[in-house]
Amino acid sequence: MNPEHNNELDDEGPQSVDLEELGDDGASDTLPCPLCGEEIYEGVDRCPLCGEYVVLGVARRPRGMLWRIVLILIGIALAIWIVRKVL
């Protein structure tokens, strides 16, 4: 039996001998999710935390921007109506 391997669970991560066997050079292939910022692996389609689709090189349309503009315009119209009603 290899002294570097043991059968107990190791909560600290993989051992160096395991990384050598897998050919991991220590570099992580992760990127931040464009919506929530969670580190996700390159090549995944969706963020496991927020579910946002990850498409590299494509700008994401801000969510709710249209509703914000509509609400602002309604607020301005309501303010004008109230001012005219008072005067």
PDB file of N, CA and C in Angstrom:
ATOM      1  N   MET A   1       0.851  -1.190   0.000  1.00  0.00           N
ATOM      2  CA  MET A   1       0.000   0.000   0.000  1.00  0.00           C
ATOM      3  C   MET A   1       0.882   1.233   0.000  1.00  0.00           C
ATOM      4  N   ASN A   2       0.519   2.218  -0.786  1.00  0.00           N
ATOM      5  CA  ASN A   2       1.263   3.459  -0.903  1.00  0.00           C
ATOM      6  C   ASN A   2       1.071   4.262   0.384  1.00  0.00           C
ATOM      7  N   PRO A   3       2.147   4.715   1.046  1.00  0.00           N
ATOM      8  CA  PRO A   3       1.994   5.459   2.298  1.00  0.00           C
ATOM      9  C   PRO A   3       1.343   6.832   2.107  1.00  0.00           C
ATOM     10  N   GLU A   4       1.373   7.365   0.882  1.00  0.00           N
ATOM     11  CA  GLU A   4       0.765   8.662   0.657  1.00  0.00           C
ATOM     12  C   GLU A   4      -0.749   8.575   0.526  1.00  0.00           C
ATOM     13  N   HIS A   5      -1.275   7.384   0.255  1.00  0.00           N
ATOM     14  CA  HIS A   5      -2.718   7.188   0.151  1.00  0.00           C
ATOM     15  C   HIS A   5      -3.223   6.589   1.448  1.00  0.00           C
ATOM     16  N   ASN A   6      -4.343   7.078   1.921  1.00  0.00           N
ATOM     17  CA  ASN A   6      -4.995   6.435   3.046  1.00  0.00           C
ATOM     18  C   ASN A   6      -6.479   6.368   2.750  1.00  0.00           C
ATOM     19  N   ASN A   7      -7.205   5.542   3.461  1.00  0.00           N
ATOM     20  CA  ASN A   7      -8.616   5.314   3.180  1.00  0.00           C
ATOM     21  C   ASN A   7      -9.524   6.282   3.906  1.00  0.00           C
ATOM     22  N   GLU A   8      -8.980   7.145   4.758  1.00  0.00           N
ATOM     23  CA  GLU A   8      -9.804   8.099   5.477  1.00  0.00           C
ATOM     24  C   GLU A   8     -10.175   9.267   4.571  1.00  0.00           C
ATOM     25  N   LEU A   9     -11.321   9.854   4.842  1.00  0.00           N
ATOM     26  CA  LEU A   9     -11.748  11.017   4.065  1.00  0.00           C
ATOM     27  C   LEU A   9     -10.881  12.208   4.424  1.00  0.00           C
ATOM     28  N   ASP A  10     -10.493  12.949   3.417  1.00  0.00           N
ATOM     29  CA  ASP A  10      -9.657  14.123   3.620  1.00  0.00           C
ATOM     30  C   ASP A  10     -10.468  15.355   3.247  1.00  0.00           C
ATOM     31  N   ASP A  11     -10.824  16.181   4.233  1.00  0.00           N
ATOM     32  CA  ASP A  11     -11.645  17.363   3.995  1.00  0.00           C
ATOM     33  C   ASP A  11     -10.833  18.549   3.477  1.00  0.00           C
ATOM     34  N   GLU A  12      -9.528  18.417   3.407  1.00  0.00           N
ATOM     35  CA  GLU A  12      -8.691  19.542   3.001  1.00  0.00           C
ATOM     36  C   GLU A  12      -8.464  19.592   1.497  1.00  0.00           C
ATOM     37  N   GLY A  13      -9.010  18.691   0.740  1.00  0.00           N
ATOM     38  CA  GLY A  13      -8.837  18.700  -0.704  1.00  0.00           C
ATOM     39  C   GLY A  13      -7.955  17.564  -1.172  1.00  0.00           C
ATOM     40  N   PRO A  14      -7.629  17.551  -2.455  1.00  0.00           N
ATOM     41  CA  PRO A  14      -6.839  16.455  -3.010  1.00  0.00           C
ATOM     42  C   PRO A  14      -5.391  16.513  -2.544  1.00  0.00           C
ATOM     43  N   GLN A  15      -4.800  15.340  -2.439  1.00  0.00           N
ATOM     44  CA  GLN A  15      -3.395  15.260  -2.065  1.00  0.00           C
ATOM     45  C   GLN A  15      -2.530  15.494  -3.297  1.00  0.00           C
ATOM     46  N   SER A  16      -1.294  15.872  -3.077  1.00  0.00           N
ATOM     47  CA  SER A  16      -0.396  16.202  -4.189  1.00  0.00           C
ATOM     48  C   SER A  16      -0.201  15.016  -5.124  1.00  0.00           C
ATOM     49  N   VAL A  17      -0.155  13.815  -4.583  1.00  0.00           N
ATOM     50  CA  VAL A  17       0.042  12.634  -5.429  1.00  0.00           C
ATOM     51  C   VAL A  17      -1.164  12.444  -6.356  1.00  0.00           C
ATOM     52  N   ASP A  18      -2.361  12.774  -5.871  1.00  0.00           N
ATOM     53  CA  ASP A  18      -3.548  12.667  -6.710  1.00  0.00           C
ATOM     54  C   ASP A  18      -3.513  13.701  -7.833  1.00  0.00           C
ATOM     55  N   LEU A  19      -3.070  14.907  -7.517  1.00  0.00           N
ATOM     56  CA  LEU A  19      -2.984  15.944  -8.537  1.00  0.00           C
ATOM     57  C   LEU A  19      -1.960  15.594  -9.602  1.00  0.00           C
ATOM     58  N   GLU A  20      -0.866  14.971  -9.196  1.00  0.00           N
ATOM     59  CA  GLU A  20       0.153  14.557 -10.163  1.00  0.00           C
ATOM     60  C   GLU A  20      -0.404  13.494 -11.091  1.00  0.00           C
ATOM     61  N   GLU A  21      -1.192  12.561 -10.552  1.00  0.00           N
ATOM     62  CA  GLU A  21      -1.780  11.499 -11.366  1.00  0.00           C
ATOM     63  C   GLU A  21      -2.774  12.073 -12.366  1.00  0.00           C
ATOM     64  N   LEU A  22      -3.493  13.110 -11.979  1.00  0.00           N
ATOM     65  CA  LEU A  22      -4.497  13.715 -12.857  1.00  0.00           C
ATOM     66  C   LEU A  22      -3.897  14.729 -13.812  1.00  0.00           C
ATOM     67  N   GLY A  23      -2.670  15.127 -13.574  1.00  0.00           N
ATOM     68  CA  GLY A  23      -2.007  16.082 -14.449  1.00  0.00           C
ATOM     69  C   GLY A  23      -2.443  17.514 -14.200  1.00  0.00           C
ATOM     70  N   ASP A  24      -2.917  17.819 -13.007  1.00  0.00           N
ATOM     71  CA  ASP A  24      -3.339  19.185 -12.680  1.00  0.00           C
ATOM     72  C   ASP A  24      -2.104  20.017 -12.391  1.00  0.00           C
ATOM     73  N   ASP A  25      -1.973  21.134 -13.078  1.00  0.00           N
ATOM     74  CA  ASP A  25      -0.811  21.994 -12.872  1.00  0.00           C
ATOM     75  C   ASP A  25      -1.054  23.052 -11.805  1.00  0.00           C
ATOM     76  N   GLY A  26      -2.197  22.993 -11.129  1.00  0.00           N
ATOM     77  CA  GLY A  26      -2.498  23.940 -10.070  1.00  0.00           C
ATOM     78  C   GLY A  26      -3.262  25.152 -10.538  1.00  0.00           C
ATOM     79  N   ALA A  27      -3.338  25.358 -11.837  1.00  0.00           N
ATOM     80  CA  ALA A  27      -4.079  26.504 -12.367  1.00  0.00           C
ATOM     81  C   ALA A  27      -5.562  26.163 -12.399  1.00  0.00           C
ATOM     82  N   SER A  28      -6.370  27.087 -11.937  1.00  0.00           N
ATOM     83  CA  SER A  28      -7.801  26.828 -11.967  1.00  0.00           C
ATOM     84  C   SER A  28      -8.384  27.406 -13.242  1.00  0.00           C
ATOM     85  N   ASP A  29      -9.259  26.662 -13.865  1.00  0.00           N
ATOM     86  CA  ASP A  29      -9.913  27.101 -15.082  1.00  0.00           C
ATOM     87  C   ASP A  29     -11.308  27.589 -14.738  1.00  0.00           C
ATOM     88  N   THR A  30     -11.368  28.660 -13.947  1.00  0.00           N
ATOM     89  CA  THR A  30     -12.654  29.205 -13.546  1.00  0.00           C
ATOM     90  C   THR A  30     -12.772  30.655 -13.968  1.00  0.00           C
ATOM     91  N   LEU A  31     -14.005  31.090 -14.088  1.00  0.00           N
ATOM     92  CA  LEU A  31     -14.328  32.472 -14.426  1.00  0.00           C
ATOM     93  C   LEU A  31     -15.454  32.918 -13.513  1.00  0.00           C
ATOM     94  N   PRO A  32     -15.610  34.225 -13.289  1.00  0.00           N
ATOM     95  CA  PRO A  32     -16.756  34.676 -12.498  1.00  0.00           C
ATOM     96  C   PRO A  32     -18.029  34.656 -13.337  1.00  0.00           C
ATOM     97  N   CYS A  33     -19.134  34.274 -12.720  1.00  0.00           N
ATOM     98  CA  CYS A  33     -20.439  34.306 -13.374  1.00  0.00           C
ATOM     99  C   CYS A  33     -20.767  35.766 -13.715  1.00  0.00           C
ATOM    100  N   PRO A  34     -21.287  36.042 -14.916  1.00  0.00           N
ATOM    101  CA  PRO A  34     -21.589  37.425 -15.280  1.00  0.00           C
ATOM    102  C   PRO A  34     -22.727  38.043 -14.467  1.00  0.00           C
ATOM    103  N   LEU A  35     -23.547  37.209 -13.805  1.00  0.00           N
ATOM    104  CA  LEU A  35     -24.662  37.755 -13.041  1.00  0.00           C
ATOM    105  C   LEU A  35     -24.352  37.845 -11.553  1.00  0.00           C
ATOM    106  N   CYS A  36     -23.936  36.724 -10.950  1.00  0.00           N
ATOM    107  CA  CYS A  36     -23.763  36.703  -9.492  1.00  0.00           C
ATOM    108  C   CYS A  36     -22.311  36.770  -9.042  1.00  0.00           C
ATOM    109  N   GLY A  37     -21.348  36.546  -9.957  1.00  0.00           N
ATOM    110  CA  GLY A  37     -19.940  36.626  -9.605  1.00  0.00           C
ATOM    111  C   GLY A  37     -19.349  35.347  -9.039  1.00  0.00           C
ATOM    112  N   GLU A  38     -20.151  34.305  -8.883  1.00  0.00           N
ATOM    113  CA  GLU A  38     -19.663  33.018  -8.375  1.00  0.00           C
ATOM    114  C   GLU A  38     -18.622  32.451  -9.340  1.00  0.00           C
ATOM    115  N   GLU A  39     -17.551  31.883  -8.803  1.00  0.00           N
ATOM    116  CA  GLU A  39     -16.532  31.256  -9.646  1.00  0.00           C
ATOM    117  C   GLU A  39     -17.113  29.979 -10.244  1.00  0.00           C
ATOM    118  N   ILE A  40     -17.105  29.886 -11.571  1.00  0.00           N
ATOM    119  CA  ILE A  40     -17.623  28.712 -12.271  1.00  0.00           C
ATOM    120  C   ILE A  40     -16.554  28.195 -13.213  1.00  0.00           C
ATOM    121  N   TYR A  41     -16.628  26.902 -13.531  1.00  0.00           N
ATOM    122  CA  TYR A  41     -15.647  26.296 -14.409  1.00  0.00           C
ATOM    123  C   TYR A  41     -15.890  26.724 -15.851  1.00  0.00           C
ATOM    124  N   GLU A  42     -14.796  26.895 -16.592  1.00  0.00           N
ATOM    125  CA  GLU A  42     -14.912  27.201 -18.015  1.00  0.00           C
ATOM    126  C   GLU A  42     -15.591  26.032 -18.702  1.00  0.00           C
ATOM    127  N   GLY A  43     -16.407  26.333 -19.684  1.00  0.00           N
ATOM    128  CA  GLY A  43     -17.048  25.277 -20.458  1.00  0.00           C
ATOM    129  C   GLY A  43     -18.436  24.894 -19.970  1.00  0.00           C
ATOM    130  N   VAL A  44     -18.885  25.419 -18.832  1.00  0.00           N
ATOM    131  CA  VAL A  44     -20.236  25.098 -18.374  1.00  0.00           C
ATOM    132  C   VAL A  44     -21.237  25.994 -19.100  1.00  0.00           C
ATOM    133  N   ASP A  45     -22.461  25.516 -19.226  1.00  0.00           N
ATOM    134  CA  ASP A  45     -23.497  26.283 -19.910  1.00  0.00           C
ATOM    135  C   ASP A  45     -24.221  27.242 -18.976  1.00  0.00           C
ATOM    136  N   ARG A  46     -24.374  26.825 -17.696  1.00  0.00           N
ATOM    137  CA  ARG A  46     -25.122  27.640 -16.742  1.00  0.00           C
ATOM    138  C   ARG A  46     -24.381  27.697 -15.416  1.00  0.00           C
ATOM    139  N   CYS A  47     -24.584  28.796 -14.691  1.00  0.00           N
ATOM    140  CA  CYS A  47     -24.013  28.942 -13.353  1.00  0.00           C
ATOM    141  C   CYS A  47     -24.786  28.036 -12.403  1.00  0.00           C
ATOM    142  N   PRO A  48     -24.101  27.211 -11.608  1.00  0.00           N
ATOM    143  CA  PRO A  48     -24.812  26.327 -10.690  1.00  0.00           C
ATOM    144  C   PRO A  48     -25.475  27.072  -9.533  1.00  0.00           C
ATOM    145  N   LEU A  49     -25.049  28.305  -9.264  1.00  0.00           N
ATOM    146  CA  LEU A  49     -25.626  29.059  -8.149  1.00  0.00           C
ATOM    147  C   LEU A  49     -26.892  29.809  -8.557  1.00  0.00           C
ATOM    148  N   CYS A  50     -26.808  30.610  -9.626  1.00  0.00           N
ATOM    149  CA  CYS A  50     -27.959  31.454  -9.999  1.00  0.00           C
ATOM    150  C   CYS A  50     -28.700  30.956 -11.228  1.00  0.00           C
ATOM    151  N   GLY A  51     -28.112  30.030 -11.984  1.00  0.00           N
ATOM    152  CA  GLY A  51     -28.773  29.485 -13.164  1.00  0.00           C
ATOM    153  C   GLY A  51     -28.611  30.313 -14.425  1.00  0.00           C
ATOM    154  N   GLU A  52     -27.848  31.403 -14.355  1.00  0.00           N
ATOM    155  CA  GLU A  52     -27.627  32.262 -15.518  1.00  0.00           C
ATOM    156  C   GLU A  52     -26.857  31.493 -16.595  1.00  0.00           C
ATOM    157  N   TYR A  53     -27.307  31.611 -17.847  1.00  0.00           N
ATOM    158  CA  TYR A  53     -26.569  31.003 -18.945  1.00  0.00           C
ATOM    159  C   TYR A  53     -25.261  31.753 -19.143  1.00  0.00           C
ATOM    160  N   VAL A  54     -24.198  31.012 -19.360  1.00  0.00           N
ATOM    161  CA  VAL A  54     -22.874  31.598 -19.518  1.00  0.00           C
ATOM    162  C   VAL A  54     -22.458  31.440 -20.969  1.00  0.00           C
ATOM    163  N   VAL A  55     -22.401  32.553 -21.681  1.00  0.00           N
ATOM    164  CA  VAL A  55     -21.974  32.545 -23.073  1.00  0.00           C
ATOM    165  C   VAL A  55     -20.825  33.538 -23.173  1.00  0.00           C
ATOM    166  N   LEU A  56     -19.636  33.045 -23.408  1.00  0.00           N
ATOM    167  CA  LEU A  56     -18.466  33.899 -23.476  1.00  0.00           C
ATOM    168  C   LEU A  56     -18.508  34.763 -24.731  1.00  0.00           C
ATOM    169  N   GLY A  57     -18.169  36.038 -24.586  1.00  0.00           N
ATOM    170  CA  GLY A  57     -18.087  36.940 -25.705  1.00  0.00           C
ATOM    171  C   GLY A  57     -19.402  37.606 -26.077  1.00  0.00           C
ATOM    172  N   VAL A  58     -20.470  37.300 -25.366  1.00  0.00           N
ATOM    173  CA  VAL A  58     -21.764  37.901 -25.659  1.00  0.00           C
ATOM    174  C   VAL A  58     -22.181  38.733 -24.457  1.00  0.00           C
ATOM    175  N   ALA A  59     -22.471  39.994 -24.687  1.00  0.00           N
ATOM    176  CA  ALA A  59     -22.894  40.875 -23.600  1.00  0.00           C
ATOM    177  C   ALA A  59     -24.308  40.516 -23.183  1.00  0.00           C
ATOM    178  N   ARG A  60     -24.535  40.511 -21.893  1.00  0.00           N
ATOM    179  CA  ARG A  60     -25.849  40.174 -21.352  1.00  0.00           C
ATOM    180  C   ARG A  60     -26.668  41.450 -21.239  1.00  0.00           C
ATOM    181  N   ARG A  61     -27.932  41.359 -21.656  1.00  0.00           N
ATOM    182  CA  ARG A  61     -28.840  42.503 -21.537  1.00  0.00           C
ATOM    183  C   ARG A  61     -29.219  42.658 -20.079  1.00  0.00           C
ATOM    184  N   PRO A  62     -29.102  43.869 -19.541  1.00  0.00           N
ATOM    185  CA  PRO A  62     -29.463  44.069 -18.136  1.00  0.00           C
ATOM    186  C   PRO A  62     -30.932  43.725 -17.902  1.00  0.00           C
ATOM    187  N   ARG A  63     -31.182  42.965 -16.856  1.00  0.00           N
ATOM    188  CA  ARG A  63     -32.546  42.564 -16.529  1.00  0.00           C
ATOM    189  C   ARG A  63     -33.298  43.726 -15.899  1.00  0.00           C
ATOM    190  N   GLY A  64     -34.519  43.905 -16.327  1.00  0.00           N
ATOM    191  CA  GLY A  64     -35.375  44.891 -15.719  1.00  0.00           C
ATOM    192  C   GLY A  64     -35.135  46.321 -16.164  1.00  0.00           C
ATOM    193  N   MET A  65     -34.249  46.552 -17.110  1.00  0.00           N
ATOM    194  CA  MET A  65     -33.949  47.919 -17.541  1.00  0.00           C
ATOM    195  C   MET A  65     -35.180  48.558 -18.179  1.00  0.00           C
ATOM    196  N   LEU A  66     -35.905  47.827 -19.000  1.00  0.00           N
ATOM    197  CA  LEU A  66     -37.101  48.359 -19.637  1.00  0.00           C
ATOM    198  C   LEU A  66     -38.146  48.748 -18.598  1.00  0.00           C
ATOM    199  N   TRP A  67     -38.338  47.903 -17.576  1.00  0.00           N
ATOM    200  CA  TRP A  67     -39.322  48.208 -16.537  1.00  0.00           C
ATOM    201  C   TRP A  67     -38.919  49.456 -15.754  1.00  0.00           C
ATOM    202  N   ARG A  68     -37.653  49.631 -15.515  1.00  0.00           N
ATOM    203  CA  ARG A  68     -37.194  50.827 -14.798  1.00  0.00           C
ATOM    204  C   ARG A  68     -37.516  52.089 -15.605  1.00  0.00           C
ATOM    205  N   ILE A  69     -37.267  52.039 -16.903  1.00  0.00           N
ATOM    206  CA  ILE A  69     -37.544  53.192 -17.749  1.00  0.00           C
ATOM    207  C   ILE A  69     -39.043  53.491 -17.766  1.00  0.00           C
ATOM    208  N   VAL A  70     -39.865  52.454 -17.905  1.00  0.00           N
ATOM    209  CA  VAL A  70     -41.320  52.637 -17.923  1.00  0.00           C
ATOM    210  C   VAL A  70     -41.800  53.235 -16.604  1.00  0.00           C
ATOM    211  N   LEU A  71     -41.301  52.722 -15.489  1.00  0.00           N
ATOM    212  CA  LEU A  71     -41.717  53.254 -14.180  1.00  0.00           C
ATOM    213  C   LEU A  71     -41.283  54.700 -13.984  1.00  0.00           C
ATOM    214  N   ILE A  72     -40.107  55.053 -14.457  1.00  0.00           N
ATOM    215  CA  ILE A  72     -39.631  56.434 -14.352  1.00  0.00           C
ATOM    216  C   ILE A  72     -40.529  57.355 -15.179  1.00  0.00           C
ATOM    217  N   LEU A  73     -40.878  56.932 -16.399  1.00  0.00           N
ATOM    218  CA  LEU A  73     -41.746  57.744 -17.244  1.00  0.00           C
ATOM    219  C   LEU A  73     -43.143  57.902 -16.634  1.00  0.00           C
ATOM    220  N   ILE A  74     -43.662  56.840 -16.051  1.00  0.00           N
ATOM    221  CA  ILE A  74     -44.962  56.919 -15.375  1.00  0.00           C
ATOM    222  C   ILE A  74     -44.873  57.877 -14.191  1.00  0.00           C
ATOM    223  N   GLY A  75     -43.793  57.806 -13.444  1.00  0.00           N
ATOM    224  CA  GLY A  75     -43.597  58.708 -12.305  1.00  0.00           C
ATOM    225  C   GLY A  75     -43.528  60.164 -12.731  1.00  0.00           C
ATOM    226  N   ILE A  76     -42.826  60.438 -13.813  1.00  0.00           N
ATOM    227  CA  ILE A  76     -42.730  61.808 -14.319  1.00  0.00           C
ATOM    228  C   ILE A  76     -44.103  62.304 -14.773  1.00  0.00           C
ATOM    229  N   ALA A  77     -44.824  61.448 -15.508  1.00  0.00           N
ATOM    230  CA  ALA A  77     -46.165  61.832 -15.973  1.00  0.00           C
ATOM    231  C   ALA A  77     -47.098  62.084 -14.797  1.00  0.00           C
ATOM    232  N   LEU A  78     -47.010  61.253 -13.763  1.00  0.00           N
ATOM    233  CA  LEU A  78     -47.851  61.425 -12.580  1.00  0.00           C
ATOM    234  C   LEU A  78     -47.493  62.714 -11.854  1.00  0.00           C
ATOM    235  N   ALA A  79     -46.226  63.037 -11.755  1.00  0.00           N
ATOM    236  CA  ALA A  79     -45.791  64.270 -11.096  1.00  0.00           C
ATOM    237  C   ALA A  79     -46.294  65.493 -11.856  1.00  0.00           C
ATOM    238  N   ILE A  80     -46.206  65.452 -13.184  1.00  0.00           N
ATOM    239  CA  ILE A  80     -46.706  66.571 -13.994  1.00  0.00           C
ATOM    240  C   ILE A  80     -48.210  66.720 -13.811  1.00  0.00           C
ATOM    241  N   TRP A  81     -48.927  65.614 -13.805  1.00  0.00           N
ATOM    242  CA  TRP A  81     -50.391  65.650 -13.622  1.00  0.00           C
ATOM    243  C   TRP A  81     -50.770  66.243 -12.275  1.00  0.00           C
ATOM    244  N   ILE A  82     -50.034  65.859 -11.209  1.00  0.00           N
ATOM    245  CA  ILE A  82     -50.323  66.377  -9.867  1.00  0.00           C
ATOM    246  C   ILE A  82     -50.032  67.874  -9.789  1.00  0.00           C
ATOM    247  N   VAL A  83     -48.930  68.305 -10.380  1.00  0.00           N
ATOM    248  CA  VAL A  83     -48.574  69.731 -10.362  1.00  0.00           C
ATOM    249  C   VAL A  83     -49.629  70.536 -11.110  1.00  0.00           C
ATOM    250  N   ARG A  84     -50.094  70.083 -12.229  1.00  0.00           N
ATOM    251  CA  ARG A  84     -51.124  70.803 -13.004  1.00  0.00           C
ATOM    252  C   ARG A  84     -52.462  70.822 -12.255  1.00  0.00           C
ATOM    253  N   LYS A  85     -52.760  69.749 -11.535  1.00  0.00           N
ATOM    254  CA  LYS A  85     -54.012  69.665 -10.782  1.00  0.00           C
ATOM    255  C   LYS A  85     -54.006  70.676  -9.623  1.00  0.00           C
ATOM    256  N   VAL A  86     -52.848  70.843  -8.971  1.00  0.00           N
ATOM    257  CA  VAL A  86     -52.736  71.741  -7.844  1.00  0.00           C
ATOM    258  C   VAL A  86     -52.765  73.197  -8.299  1.00  0.00           C
ATOM    259  N   LEU A  87     -52.117  73.499  -9.410  1.00  0.00           N
ATOM    260  CA  LEU A  87     -52.058  74.887  -9.892  1.00  0.00           C
ATOM    261  C   LEU A  87     -53.339  75.179 -10.568  1.00  0.00           C
TER     262      LEU A  87
END
